[in-house]
Amino acid sequence: MKKHIVCIGDSNTHGYCADPGDCADHGGRFNENERWTCLLQKALGTDYLVLEEGLSGRTTVFQDPLHESMDALGVVYSILMSHEPVDLAVVMLGTNDTKERFNANAACIAMGMDRLIDKMKSVPCWGSGGPRFLIVCPPHIGEEMESSSVAGAMGLGCAAKSRQLSQYLEPVAKAQGCAYLDAQGLAPFNHVDYMHLTAKGHAQLAAKLAQVIPTLV
């Protein structure tokens, strides 16, 4: 059986494209030749099965009052069990947790990740190697986001919280025995909403993960 790599994330895992000029199909989502998950599959080859579990707006544990089922904590059991046996979970969350309506600082967002990892460890989905995780800290939201078209929905303070997130996420990863990757400076955001990956960013993230993942499974 192939090694199952489950990629759990938000719109940057789903492949949302905020700039129609940056995606080949000029639509709202990067296609299978552009998304980092699909590029990762190609790079890893036939011994691996990369499984996309990205949802726009997803948080770690915070329930959204505007949209149901946005917290990973509430759905991660079914996500993992649907892909058993799971050899590695790649978790890239935290961007949406910075929204003003959740009123959570960077330390609390990292606590949410800690709680999520605890839950994932308890799910009886893991392959012979047991629970294995790679936590990816998303790139920092740009300050310019607060004057972009998404500023109203995101609210104030998002950029500052996202800059602080890595200093809290890395200790969580270490304490939980998870591998850790900080994507800041590795995968750039666009200059439309300053919080979604460019096509170049998808390719760069995929290339880095293709180097890291074979060392973990």
N, C-alpha and C. Protein backbone atom coordinates (compact mmCIF):
# COMPACT_ATOMS: atom_id res chain seq x y z
N MET A 1 0.84 -1.20 0.00
CA MET A 1 0.00 0.00 0.00
C MET A 1 0.87 1.25 0.00
N LYS A 2 0.40 2.27 -0.68
CA LYS A 2 1.12 3.53 -0.70
C LYS A 2 1.10 4.18 0.68
N LYS A 3 2.05 5.08 0.90
CA LYS A 3 2.08 5.84 2.14
C LYS A 3 1.07 6.99 2.03
N HIS A 4 0.15 7.03 2.98
CA HIS A 4 -0.92 8.02 2.94
C HIS A 4 -0.49 9.29 3.68
N ILE A 5 -0.42 10.39 2.93
CA ILE A 5 -0.04 11.70 3.48
C ILE A 5 -1.27 12.59 3.43
N VAL A 6 -1.87 12.87 4.60
CA VAL A 6 -3.09 13.67 4.65
C VAL A 6 -2.72 15.12 4.95
N CYS A 7 -3.12 16.02 4.05
CA CYS A 7 -2.77 17.43 4.17
C CYS A 7 -4.01 18.20 4.64
N ILE A 8 -3.98 18.63 5.90
CA ILE A 8 -5.12 19.29 6.53
C ILE A 8 -4.83 20.78 6.63
N GLY A 9 -5.68 21.58 6.02
CA GLY A 9 -5.42 23.01 6.01
C GLY A 9 -6.64 23.84 5.66
N ASP A 10 -6.37 25.08 5.28
CA ASP A 10 -7.43 26.02 4.95
C ASP A 10 -7.41 26.31 3.45
N SER A 11 -7.70 27.54 3.07
CA SER A 11 -7.77 27.88 1.64
C SER A 11 -6.43 27.74 0.94
N ASN A 12 -5.33 27.87 1.68
CA ASN A 12 -4.03 27.71 1.05
C ASN A 12 -3.66 26.25 0.81
N THR A 13 -4.43 25.33 1.39
CA THR A 13 -4.32 23.92 1.05
C THR A 13 -5.35 23.55 0.00
N HIS A 14 -6.52 24.15 0.09
CA HIS A 14 -7.55 23.96 -0.94
C HIS A 14 -7.08 24.50 -2.28
N GLY A 15 -6.28 25.58 -2.26
CA GLY A 15 -5.74 26.13 -3.49
C GLY A 15 -6.44 27.38 -3.98
N TYR A 16 -7.03 28.16 -3.08
CA TYR A 16 -7.71 29.38 -3.48
C TYR A 16 -6.76 30.34 -4.17
N CYS A 17 -7.21 30.88 -5.29
CA CYS A 17 -6.41 31.85 -6.05
C CYS A 17 -7.12 33.20 -6.04
N ALA A 18 -6.53 34.16 -5.35
CA ALA A 18 -7.14 35.49 -5.24
C ALA A 18 -6.87 36.37 -6.45
N ASP A 19 -5.89 35.98 -7.26
CA ASP A 19 -5.48 36.78 -8.42
C ASP A 19 -5.72 35.96 -9.69
N PRO A 20 -6.81 36.23 -10.43
CA PRO A 20 -7.11 35.44 -11.63
C PRO A 20 -5.97 35.41 -12.64
N GLY A 21 -5.14 36.44 -12.64
CA GLY A 21 -4.02 36.48 -13.57
C GLY A 21 -2.87 35.56 -13.20
N ASP A 22 -2.95 35.00 -11.98
CA ASP A 22 -1.86 34.15 -11.49
C ASP A 22 -2.16 32.67 -11.63
N CYS A 23 -3.40 32.31 -12.02
CA CYS A 23 -3.74 30.90 -12.16
C CYS A 23 -4.13 30.59 -13.60
N ALA A 24 -3.73 29.42 -14.06
CA ALA A 24 -3.86 29.06 -15.47
C ALA A 24 -5.30 29.10 -15.96
N ASP A 25 -6.24 28.70 -15.11
CA ASP A 25 -7.63 28.65 -15.53
C ASP A 25 -8.38 29.95 -15.26
N HIS A 26 -7.68 30.94 -14.71
CA HIS A 26 -8.25 32.27 -14.44
C HIS A 26 -9.51 32.17 -13.57
N GLY A 27 -9.55 31.17 -12.71
CA GLY A 27 -10.70 30.99 -11.84
C GLY A 27 -10.32 31.24 -10.40
N GLY A 28 -11.13 30.71 -9.49
CA GLY A 28 -10.90 30.96 -8.07
C GLY A 28 -10.06 29.91 -7.38
N ARG A 29 -9.59 28.90 -8.14
CA ARG A 29 -8.78 27.85 -7.53
C ARG A 29 -7.66 27.44 -8.48
N PHE A 30 -6.46 27.28 -7.93
CA PHE A 30 -5.36 26.75 -8.72
C PHE A 30 -5.69 25.33 -9.15
N ASN A 31 -5.27 24.97 -10.36
CA ASN A 31 -5.62 23.64 -10.86
C ASN A 31 -4.62 22.58 -10.40
N GLU A 32 -4.79 21.37 -10.91
CA GLU A 32 -3.99 20.23 -10.45
C GLU A 32 -2.52 20.31 -10.87
N ASN A 33 -2.20 21.22 -11.76
CA ASN A 33 -0.80 21.43 -12.13
C ASN A 33 -0.18 22.58 -11.35
N GLU A 34 -0.95 23.18 -10.43
CA GLU A 34 -0.49 24.36 -9.70
C GLU A 34 -0.54 24.20 -8.18
N ARG A 35 -1.53 23.48 -7.67
CA ARG A 35 -1.69 23.37 -6.21
C ARG A 35 -0.51 22.64 -5.59
N TRP A 36 -0.10 23.08 -4.40
CA TRP A 36 1.08 22.47 -3.78
C TRP A 36 0.85 21.00 -3.45
N THR A 37 -0.38 20.66 -3.10
CA THR A 37 -0.67 19.26 -2.80
C THR A 37 -0.47 18.36 -4.02
N CYS A 38 -0.93 18.82 -5.17
CA CYS A 38 -0.78 18.05 -6.40
C CYS A 38 0.67 18.02 -6.87
N LEU A 39 1.36 19.14 -6.73
CA LEU A 39 2.78 19.18 -7.09
C LEU A 39 3.60 18.28 -6.16
N LEU A 40 3.19 18.23 -4.90
CA LEU A 40 3.86 17.34 -3.94
C LEU A 40 3.68 15.89 -4.35
N GLN A 41 2.47 15.53 -4.77
CA GLN A 41 2.22 14.16 -5.23
C GLN A 41 3.15 13.80 -6.38
N LYS A 42 3.28 14.70 -7.34
CA LYS A 42 4.15 14.44 -8.48
C LYS A 42 5.60 14.28 -8.05
N ALA A 43 6.03 15.10 -7.11
CA ALA A 43 7.42 15.06 -6.67
C ALA A 43 7.73 13.81 -5.86
N LEU A 44 6.77 13.38 -5.03
CA LEU A 44 7.01 12.21 -4.19
C LEU A 44 6.93 10.90 -4.97
N GLY A 45 6.09 10.87 -6.00
CA GLY A 45 6.02 9.68 -6.83
C GLY A 45 4.99 8.66 -6.39
N THR A 46 5.05 7.50 -7.01
CA THR A 46 3.98 6.51 -6.89
C THR A 46 3.96 5.74 -5.58
N ASP A 47 4.99 5.90 -4.75
CA ASP A 47 4.98 5.22 -3.45
C ASP A 47 4.14 5.96 -2.42
N TYR A 48 3.66 7.15 -2.78
CA TYR A 48 2.91 8.00 -1.86
C TYR A 48 1.54 8.33 -2.43
N LEU A 49 0.58 8.57 -1.54
CA LEU A 49 -0.72 9.09 -1.92
C LEU A 49 -0.97 10.35 -1.09
N VAL A 50 -0.94 11.49 -1.76
CA VAL A 50 -1.16 12.77 -1.09
C VAL A 50 -2.64 13.09 -1.14
N LEU A 51 -3.24 13.27 0.02
CA LEU A 51 -4.68 13.44 0.15
C LEU A 51 -5.00 14.87 0.58
N GLU A 52 -5.76 15.58 -0.26
CA GLU A 52 -6.10 16.98 -0.02
C GLU A 52 -7.28 17.11 0.94
N GLU A 53 -7.07 17.80 2.04
CA GLU A 53 -8.15 18.09 2.98
C GLU A 53 -8.06 19.57 3.37
N GLY A 54 -8.22 20.43 2.37
CA GLY A 54 -8.19 21.87 2.59
C GLY A 54 -9.60 22.45 2.50
N LEU A 55 -9.92 23.38 3.38
CA LEU A 55 -11.22 24.04 3.38
C LEU A 55 -11.00 25.52 3.64
N SER A 56 -11.50 26.35 2.76
CA SER A 56 -11.39 27.80 2.95
C SER A 56 -12.08 28.21 4.24
N GLY A 57 -11.36 28.96 5.08
CA GLY A 57 -11.90 29.44 6.33
C GLY A 57 -11.63 28.54 7.52
N ARG A 58 -11.01 27.38 7.31
CA ARG A 58 -10.82 26.43 8.42
C ARG A 58 -9.89 26.99 9.49
N THR A 59 -10.25 26.72 10.75
CA THR A 59 -9.43 27.07 11.90
C THR A 59 -8.93 25.80 12.58
N THR A 60 -8.14 25.97 13.63
CA THR A 60 -7.72 24.81 14.42
C THR A 60 -8.90 24.31 15.25
N VAL A 61 -9.36 25.13 16.19
CA VAL A 61 -10.43 24.69 17.12
C VAL A 61 -11.56 25.70 17.25
N PHE A 62 -11.43 26.88 16.67
CA PHE A 62 -12.39 27.95 16.90
C PHE A 62 -13.62 27.80 16.00
N GLN A 63 -14.80 27.71 16.62
CA GLN A 63 -16.04 27.58 15.87
C GLN A 63 -16.46 28.94 15.33
N ASP A 64 -16.74 28.98 14.04
CA ASP A 64 -17.08 30.23 13.37
C ASP A 64 -18.58 30.51 13.53
N PRO A 65 -18.93 31.68 14.04
CA PRO A 65 -20.36 31.98 14.20
C PRO A 65 -21.08 32.23 12.88
N LEU A 66 -20.32 32.41 11.81
CA LEU A 66 -20.92 32.70 10.51
C LEU A 66 -21.06 31.47 9.62
N HIS A 67 -20.17 30.48 9.79
CA HIS A 67 -20.17 29.30 8.93
C HIS A 67 -19.94 28.05 9.78
N GLU A 68 -20.71 27.01 9.52
CA GLU A 68 -20.60 25.81 10.33
C GLU A 68 -19.43 24.91 9.88
N SER A 69 -18.96 24.10 10.80
CA SER A 69 -17.95 23.05 10.54
C SER A 69 -16.62 23.60 10.04
N MET A 70 -16.26 24.79 10.50
CA MET A 70 -15.00 25.38 10.08
C MET A 70 -13.82 24.99 10.97
N ASP A 71 -14.09 24.50 12.17
CA ASP A 71 -12.99 24.12 13.06
C ASP A 71 -12.52 22.70 12.75
N ALA A 72 -11.23 22.53 12.61
CA ALA A 72 -10.68 21.21 12.30
C ALA A 72 -10.97 20.21 13.41
N LEU A 73 -10.99 20.69 14.65
CA LEU A 73 -11.21 19.81 15.78
C LEU A 73 -12.52 19.03 15.64
N GLY A 74 -13.55 19.68 15.14
CA GLY A 74 -14.86 19.06 15.05
C GLY A 74 -15.00 18.05 13.92
N VAL A 75 -14.09 18.06 12.96
CA VAL A 75 -14.24 17.18 11.79
C VAL A 75 -13.05 16.25 11.58
N VAL A 76 -12.00 16.41 12.39
CA VAL A 76 -10.76 15.70 12.09
C VAL A 76 -10.88 14.19 12.27
N TYR A 77 -11.78 13.74 13.15
CA TYR A 77 -11.97 12.29 13.29
C TYR A 77 -12.41 11.68 11.96
N SER A 78 -13.43 12.26 11.34
CA SER A 78 -13.93 11.71 10.07
C SER A 78 -12.92 11.89 8.95
N ILE A 79 -12.19 13.02 8.95
CA ILE A 79 -11.15 13.23 7.94
C ILE A 79 -10.11 12.12 8.00
N LEU A 80 -9.59 11.87 9.17
CA LEU A 80 -8.52 10.88 9.30
C LEU A 80 -9.03 9.46 9.06
N MET A 81 -10.18 9.13 9.61
CA MET A 81 -10.69 7.77 9.44
C MET A 81 -11.02 7.45 7.99
N SER A 82 -11.40 8.47 7.21
CA SER A 82 -11.73 8.23 5.80
C SER A 82 -10.49 7.92 4.97
N HIS A 83 -9.31 8.18 5.53
CA HIS A 83 -8.07 7.94 4.79
C HIS A 83 -7.18 6.90 5.45
N GLU A 84 -7.70 6.15 6.42
CA GLU A 84 -6.86 5.19 7.12
C GLU A 84 -6.37 4.09 6.17
N PRO A 85 -5.16 3.56 6.38
CA PRO A 85 -4.22 3.98 7.42
C PRO A 85 -3.46 5.25 7.01
N VAL A 86 -3.29 6.14 7.98
CA VAL A 86 -2.58 7.39 7.74
C VAL A 86 -1.14 7.25 8.20
N ASP A 87 -0.21 7.61 7.34
CA ASP A 87 1.21 7.53 7.69
C ASP A 87 1.77 8.86 8.19
N LEU A 88 1.20 9.97 7.70
CA LEU A 88 1.66 11.29 8.11
C LEU A 88 0.55 12.29 7.89
N ALA A 89 0.33 13.17 8.86
CA ALA A 89 -0.59 14.30 8.69
C ALA A 89 0.22 15.58 8.61
N VAL A 90 0.04 16.32 7.53
CA VAL A 90 0.65 17.64 7.37
C VAL A 90 -0.43 18.66 7.72
N VAL A 91 -0.18 19.46 8.75
CA VAL A 91 -1.20 20.39 9.25
C VAL A 91 -0.70 21.82 9.07
N MET A 92 -1.37 22.58 8.22
CA MET A 92 -1.02 23.99 8.01
C MET A 92 -2.27 24.83 8.28
N LEU A 93 -2.38 25.28 9.52
CA LEU A 93 -3.52 26.08 9.96
C LEU A 93 -3.03 27.23 10.84
N GLY A 94 -3.89 28.21 11.04
CA GLY A 94 -3.56 29.33 11.90
C GLY A 94 -3.89 30.67 11.30
N THR A 95 -3.94 30.74 9.97
CA THR A 95 -4.23 32.03 9.32
C THR A 95 -5.63 32.52 9.67
N ASN A 96 -6.62 31.65 9.56
CA ASN A 96 -8.00 32.07 9.85
C ASN A 96 -8.23 32.29 11.34
N ASP A 97 -7.46 31.63 12.17
CA ASP A 97 -7.59 31.79 13.62
C ASP A 97 -7.30 33.22 14.06
N THR A 98 -6.58 33.97 13.22
CA THR A 98 -6.25 35.35 13.58
C THR A 98 -7.42 36.31 13.39
N LYS A 99 -8.51 35.85 12.80
CA LYS A 99 -9.65 36.75 12.56
C LYS A 99 -10.11 37.43 13.84
N GLU A 100 -10.47 38.67 13.72
CA GLU A 100 -10.86 39.47 14.89
C GLU A 100 -12.03 38.84 15.64
N ARG A 101 -12.95 38.21 14.94
CA ARG A 101 -14.15 37.69 15.59
C ARG A 101 -13.87 36.51 16.52
N PHE A 102 -12.68 35.89 16.41
CA PHE A 102 -12.33 34.79 17.32
C PHE A 102 -11.64 35.29 18.59
N ASN A 103 -11.14 36.53 18.54
CA ASN A 103 -10.56 37.15 19.74
C ASN A 103 -9.47 36.26 20.37
N ALA A 104 -8.62 35.67 19.54
CA ALA A 104 -7.56 34.78 20.03
C ALA A 104 -6.20 35.35 19.65
N ASN A 105 -5.32 35.46 20.62
CA ASN A 105 -3.96 35.91 20.32
C ASN A 105 -3.12 34.73 19.83
N ALA A 106 -1.88 34.99 19.47
CA ALA A 106 -1.02 33.95 18.89
C ALA A 106 -0.81 32.79 19.85
N ALA A 107 -0.68 33.10 21.14
CA ALA A 107 -0.48 32.04 22.12
C ALA A 107 -1.70 31.12 22.18
N CYS A 108 -2.90 31.69 22.12
CA CYS A 108 -4.12 30.89 22.16
C CYS A 108 -4.30 30.08 20.88
N ILE A 109 -3.89 30.64 19.75
CA ILE A 109 -3.96 29.90 18.50
C ILE A 109 -3.07 28.67 18.56
N ALA A 110 -1.88 28.83 19.12
CA ALA A 110 -0.97 27.70 19.28
C ALA A 110 -1.54 26.67 20.25
N MET A 111 -2.23 27.13 21.28
CA MET A 111 -2.91 26.21 22.19
C MET A 111 -3.98 25.41 21.44
N GLY A 112 -4.63 26.06 20.49
CA GLY A 112 -5.60 25.37 19.64
C GLY A 112 -4.95 24.27 18.83
N MET A 113 -3.77 24.55 18.29
CA MET A 113 -3.03 23.53 17.55
C MET A 113 -2.66 22.37 18.46
N ASP A 114 -2.24 22.68 19.66
CA ASP A 114 -1.89 21.65 20.64
C ASP A 114 -3.09 20.74 20.91
N ARG A 115 -4.24 21.34 21.11
CA ARG A 115 -5.47 20.58 21.36
C ARG A 115 -5.83 19.72 20.15
N LEU A 116 -5.65 20.27 18.96
CA LEU A 116 -5.96 19.54 17.73
C LEU A 116 -5.05 18.32 17.57
N ILE A 117 -3.77 18.49 17.85
CA ILE A 117 -2.84 17.36 17.74
C ILE A 117 -3.19 16.27 18.75
N ASP A 118 -3.56 16.67 19.96
CA ASP A 118 -4.01 15.69 20.95
C ASP A 118 -5.18 14.87 20.40
N LYS A 119 -6.15 15.55 19.81
CA LYS A 119 -7.31 14.86 19.25
C LYS A 119 -6.89 13.92 18.13
N MET A 120 -6.03 14.38 17.24
CA MET A 120 -5.61 13.56 16.10
C MET A 120 -4.86 12.31 16.56
N LYS A 121 -4.08 12.45 17.60
CA LYS A 121 -3.36 11.29 18.13
C LYS A 121 -4.31 10.21 18.64
N SER A 122 -5.49 10.63 19.10
CA SER A 122 -6.45 9.69 19.68
C SER A 122 -7.25 8.93 18.64
N VAL A 123 -7.20 9.36 17.39
CA VAL A 123 -7.99 8.72 16.34
C VAL A 123 -7.31 7.41 15.91
N PRO A 124 -8.02 6.29 15.86
CA PRO A 124 -7.42 4.99 15.53
C PRO A 124 -7.25 4.79 14.03
N CYS A 125 -6.50 5.69 13.41
CA CYS A 125 -6.36 5.67 11.95
C CYS A 125 -4.94 5.40 11.49
N TRP A 126 -4.01 5.34 12.45
CA TRP A 126 -2.60 5.42 12.09
C TRP A 126 -2.03 4.10 11.61
N GLY A 127 -1.09 4.21 10.67
CA GLY A 127 -0.40 3.04 10.16
C GLY A 127 0.56 2.47 11.18
N SER A 128 1.40 1.56 10.73
CA SER A 128 2.29 0.83 11.64
C SER A 128 3.30 1.74 12.35
N GLY A 129 3.57 2.90 11.78
CA GLY A 129 4.53 3.81 12.42
C GLY A 129 3.93 4.65 13.52
N GLY A 130 2.61 4.55 13.74
CA GLY A 130 1.95 5.35 14.75
C GLY A 130 1.72 6.78 14.28
N PRO A 131 1.16 7.64 15.15
CA PRO A 131 0.87 9.02 14.77
C PRO A 131 2.14 9.80 14.41
N ARG A 132 2.12 10.39 13.23
CA ARG A 132 3.24 11.22 12.80
C ARG A 132 2.70 12.49 12.16
N PHE A 133 3.32 13.61 12.52
CA PHE A 133 2.81 14.92 12.10
C PHE A 133 3.93 15.82 11.60
N LEU A 134 3.56 16.67 10.66
CA LEU A 134 4.39 17.80 10.27
C LEU A 134 3.53 19.04 10.39
N ILE A 135 3.85 19.90 11.36
CA ILE A 135 3.14 21.17 11.52
C ILE A 135 3.84 22.22 10.68
N VAL A 136 3.09 22.88 9.81
CA VAL A 136 3.62 23.95 8.97
C VAL A 136 3.03 25.27 9.43
N CYS A 137 3.89 26.17 9.87
CA CYS A 137 3.42 27.51 10.24
C CYS A 137 3.24 28.32 8.97
N PRO A 138 2.05 28.86 8.72
CA PRO A 138 1.82 29.61 7.49
C PRO A 138 2.67 30.87 7.41
N PRO A 139 2.92 31.35 6.19
CA PRO A 139 3.60 32.65 6.06
C PRO A 139 2.80 33.75 6.74
N HIS A 140 3.49 34.83 7.07
CA HIS A 140 2.83 35.95 7.75
C HIS A 140 1.85 36.67 6.82
N ILE A 141 0.69 36.98 7.35
CA ILE A 141 -0.23 37.86 6.64
C ILE A 141 0.41 39.23 6.49
N GLY A 142 0.32 39.81 5.31
CA GLY A 142 0.90 41.12 5.09
C GLY A 142 0.09 42.23 5.75
N GLU A 143 0.79 43.25 6.22
CA GLU A 143 0.10 44.40 6.81
C GLU A 143 -0.89 45.02 5.82
N GLU A 144 -0.59 44.90 4.54
CA GLU A 144 -1.44 45.50 3.51
C GLU A 144 -2.82 44.85 3.45
N MET A 145 -2.96 43.66 4.03
CA MET A 145 -4.26 43.00 4.05
C MET A 145 -5.32 43.89 4.67
N GLU A 146 -4.93 44.70 5.66
CA GLU A 146 -5.90 45.48 6.39
C GLU A 146 -6.47 46.65 5.59
N SER A 147 -5.96 46.85 4.38
CA SER A 147 -6.57 47.82 3.48
C SER A 147 -7.02 47.16 2.17
N SER A 148 -7.10 45.83 2.19
CA SER A 148 -7.52 45.08 1.01
C SER A 148 -9.02 44.78 1.07
N SER A 149 -9.50 44.05 0.07
CA SER A 149 -10.94 43.74 -0.01
C SER A 149 -11.40 42.78 1.08
N VAL A 150 -10.49 42.07 1.73
CA VAL A 150 -10.88 41.11 2.76
C VAL A 150 -10.73 41.68 4.17
N ALA A 151 -10.35 42.94 4.27
CA ALA A 151 -10.08 43.54 5.58
C ALA A 151 -11.29 43.50 6.49
N GLY A 152 -12.46 43.76 5.96
CA GLY A 152 -13.65 43.78 6.78
C GLY A 152 -13.96 42.43 7.40
N ALA A 153 -13.83 41.37 6.62
CA ALA A 153 -14.13 40.03 7.11
C ALA A 153 -13.07 39.53 8.08
N MET A 154 -11.83 39.89 7.84
CA MET A 154 -10.74 39.42 8.70
C MET A 154 -10.66 40.23 9.98
N GLY A 155 -10.84 41.55 9.89
CA GLY A 155 -10.75 42.41 11.06
C GLY A 155 -9.34 42.87 11.34
N LEU A 156 -9.17 43.55 12.45
CA LEU A 156 -7.89 44.15 12.79
C LEU A 156 -6.98 43.17 13.55
N GLY A 157 -5.69 43.41 13.45
CA GLY A 157 -4.72 42.67 14.26
C GLY A 157 -4.24 41.36 13.68
N CYS A 158 -4.74 40.97 12.52
CA CYS A 158 -4.39 39.66 11.95
C CYS A 158 -2.91 39.56 11.60
N ALA A 159 -2.38 40.57 10.98
CA ALA A 159 -0.98 40.52 10.56
C ALA A 159 -0.05 40.38 11.74
N ALA A 160 -0.30 41.15 12.79
CA ALA A 160 0.56 41.09 13.97
C ALA A 160 0.51 39.72 14.62
N LYS A 161 -0.68 39.14 14.73
CA LYS A 161 -0.81 37.82 15.34
C LYS A 161 -0.12 36.75 14.49
N SER A 162 -0.23 36.86 13.17
CA SER A 162 0.40 35.86 12.32
C SER A 162 1.93 35.95 12.39
N ARG A 163 2.47 37.16 12.59
CA ARG A 163 3.92 37.30 12.75
C ARG A 163 4.40 36.62 14.03
N GLN A 164 3.57 36.63 15.05
CA GLN A 164 3.96 36.06 16.34
C GLN A 164 3.73 34.55 16.42
N LEU A 165 3.00 34.00 15.48
CA LEU A 165 2.54 32.62 15.62
C LEU A 165 3.67 31.60 15.69
N SER A 166 4.70 31.80 14.88
CA SER A 166 5.77 30.80 14.83
C SER A 166 6.46 30.62 16.19
N GLN A 167 6.58 31.68 16.97
CA GLN A 167 7.28 31.56 18.24
C GLN A 167 6.50 30.73 19.25
N TYR A 168 5.19 30.57 19.00
CA TYR A 168 4.37 29.74 19.88
C TYR A 168 4.12 28.35 19.28
N LEU A 169 4.04 28.26 17.96
CA LEU A 169 3.78 26.97 17.32
C LEU A 169 4.97 26.02 17.41
N GLU A 170 6.17 26.56 17.27
CA GLU A 170 7.34 25.68 17.28
C GLU A 170 7.48 24.92 18.61
N PRO A 171 7.33 25.57 19.77
CA PRO A 171 7.39 24.81 21.02
C PRO A 171 6.28 23.76 21.14
N VAL A 172 5.11 24.06 20.59
CA VAL A 172 4.03 23.06 20.59
C VAL A 172 4.44 21.84 19.80
N ALA A 173 5.00 22.07 18.63
CA ALA A 173 5.46 20.95 17.79
C ALA A 173 6.51 20.12 18.52
N LYS A 174 7.44 20.79 19.16
CA LYS A 174 8.50 20.08 19.88
C LYS A 174 7.93 19.26 21.03
N ALA A 175 7.03 19.84 21.81
CA ALA A 175 6.45 19.14 22.95
C ALA A 175 5.60 17.95 22.52
N GLN A 176 4.97 18.07 21.36
CA GLN A 176 4.11 17.00 20.85
C GLN A 176 4.89 15.95 20.05
N GLY A 177 6.17 16.18 19.84
CA GLY A 177 6.97 15.24 19.05
C GLY A 177 6.69 15.32 17.56
N CYS A 178 6.26 16.49 17.10
CA CYS A 178 5.93 16.70 15.69
C CYS A 178 7.10 17.36 14.96
N ALA A 179 7.27 17.02 13.70
CA ALA A 179 8.18 17.78 12.85
C ALA A 179 7.58 19.16 12.63
N TYR A 180 8.44 20.15 12.31
CA TYR A 180 7.98 21.53 12.20
C TYR A 180 8.65 22.21 11.03
N LEU A 181 7.87 23.01 10.31
CA LEU A 181 8.40 23.81 9.20
C LEU A 181 7.75 25.18 9.24
N ASP A 182 8.56 26.22 9.25
CA ASP A 182 8.08 27.59 9.17
C ASP A 182 8.13 28.03 7.71
N ALA A 183 6.96 28.30 7.13
CA ALA A 183 6.89 28.64 5.70
C ALA A 183 7.13 30.12 5.43
N GLN A 184 7.39 30.92 6.45
CA GLN A 184 7.67 32.34 6.22
C GLN A 184 8.94 32.50 5.39
N GLY A 185 8.84 33.28 4.31
CA GLY A 185 9.98 33.49 3.44
C GLY A 185 10.18 32.37 2.43
N LEU A 186 9.46 31.28 2.60
CA LEU A 186 9.59 30.13 1.70
C LEU A 186 8.55 30.17 0.60
N ALA A 187 7.32 30.53 0.97
CA ALA A 187 6.21 30.51 0.01
C ALA A 187 5.49 31.85 0.07
N PRO A 188 5.68 32.71 -0.91
CA PRO A 188 5.14 34.08 -0.83
C PRO A 188 3.63 34.17 -1.02
N PHE A 189 3.04 35.19 -0.37
CA PHE A 189 1.63 35.52 -0.57
C PHE A 189 1.49 36.51 -1.72
N ASN A 190 0.28 36.60 -2.26
CA ASN A 190 0.02 37.52 -3.37
C ASN A 190 -0.07 38.96 -2.89
N HIS A 191 -0.21 39.89 -3.84
CA HIS A 191 -0.33 41.30 -3.54
C HIS A 191 -1.75 41.79 -3.83
N VAL A 192 -2.71 40.87 -3.65
CA VAL A 192 -4.12 41.22 -3.78
C VAL A 192 -4.76 41.27 -2.40
N ASP A 193 -4.69 40.14 -1.68
CA ASP A 193 -5.21 40.13 -0.31
C ASP A 193 -4.11 39.87 0.72
N TYR A 194 -2.91 39.57 0.25
CA TYR A 194 -1.72 39.44 1.12
C TYR A 194 -1.85 38.31 2.13
N MET A 195 -2.64 37.29 1.78
CA MET A 195 -2.80 36.15 2.70
C MET A 195 -3.02 34.82 1.98
N HIS A 196 -2.88 34.84 0.66
CA HIS A 196 -2.99 33.59 -0.09
C HIS A 196 -1.75 33.39 -0.96
N LEU A 197 -1.36 32.13 -1.07
CA LEU A 197 -0.16 31.79 -1.82
C LEU A 197 -0.30 32.12 -3.30
N THR A 198 0.80 32.53 -3.89
CA THR A 198 0.88 32.68 -5.34
C THR A 198 1.16 31.31 -5.96
N ALA A 199 1.09 31.24 -7.28
CA ALA A 199 1.46 30.00 -7.97
C ALA A 199 2.91 29.63 -7.66
N LYS A 200 3.77 30.64 -7.61
CA LYS A 200 5.17 30.40 -7.26
C LYS A 200 5.27 29.88 -5.83
N GLY A 201 4.47 30.43 -4.94
CA GLY A 201 4.47 29.99 -3.56
C GLY A 201 4.05 28.53 -3.42
N HIS A 202 3.04 28.13 -4.18
CA HIS A 202 2.62 26.72 -4.18
C HIS A 202 3.76 25.82 -4.62
N ALA A 203 4.44 26.21 -5.68
CA ALA A 203 5.54 25.39 -6.20
C ALA A 203 6.69 25.30 -5.20
N GLN A 204 6.99 26.42 -4.56
CA GLN A 204 8.10 26.43 -3.61
C GLN A 204 7.77 25.61 -2.36
N LEU A 205 6.53 25.70 -1.89
CA LEU A 205 6.14 24.91 -0.72
C LEU A 205 6.18 23.43 -1.05
N ALA A 206 5.67 23.05 -2.21
CA ALA A 206 5.70 21.65 -2.62
C ALA A 206 7.12 21.11 -2.70
N ALA A 207 8.03 21.91 -3.25
CA ALA A 207 9.42 21.47 -3.39
C ALA A 207 10.06 21.23 -2.03
N LYS A 208 9.78 22.12 -1.08
CA LYS A 208 10.35 21.95 0.26
C LYS A 208 9.77 20.73 0.96
N LEU A 209 8.46 20.57 0.87
CA LEU A 209 7.83 19.42 1.52
C LEU A 209 8.28 18.11 0.90
N ALA A 210 8.55 18.11 -0.39
CA ALA A 210 9.02 16.90 -1.05
C ALA A 210 10.41 16.49 -0.55
N GLN A 211 11.15 17.45 -0.03
CA GLN A 211 12.45 17.13 0.59
C GLN A 211 12.28 16.60 2.01
N VAL A 212 11.30 17.18 2.73
CA VAL A 212 11.14 16.89 4.15
C VAL A 212 10.40 15.58 4.40
N ILE A 213 9.31 15.36 3.69
CA ILE A 213 8.41 14.24 3.99
C ILE A 213 9.09 12.87 3.92
N PRO A 214 9.92 12.58 2.93
CA PRO A 214 10.56 11.26 2.92
C PRO A 214 11.45 10.99 4.13
N THR A 215 11.86 12.03 4.83
CA THR A 215 12.66 11.82 6.05
C THR A 215 11.78 11.50 7.26
N LEU A 216 10.46 11.62 7.10
CA LEU A 216 9.54 11.45 8.23
C LEU A 216 8.76 10.14 8.16
N VAL A 217 8.63 9.57 6.99
CA VAL A 217 7.85 8.33 6.84
C VAL A 217 8.66 7.29 6.06
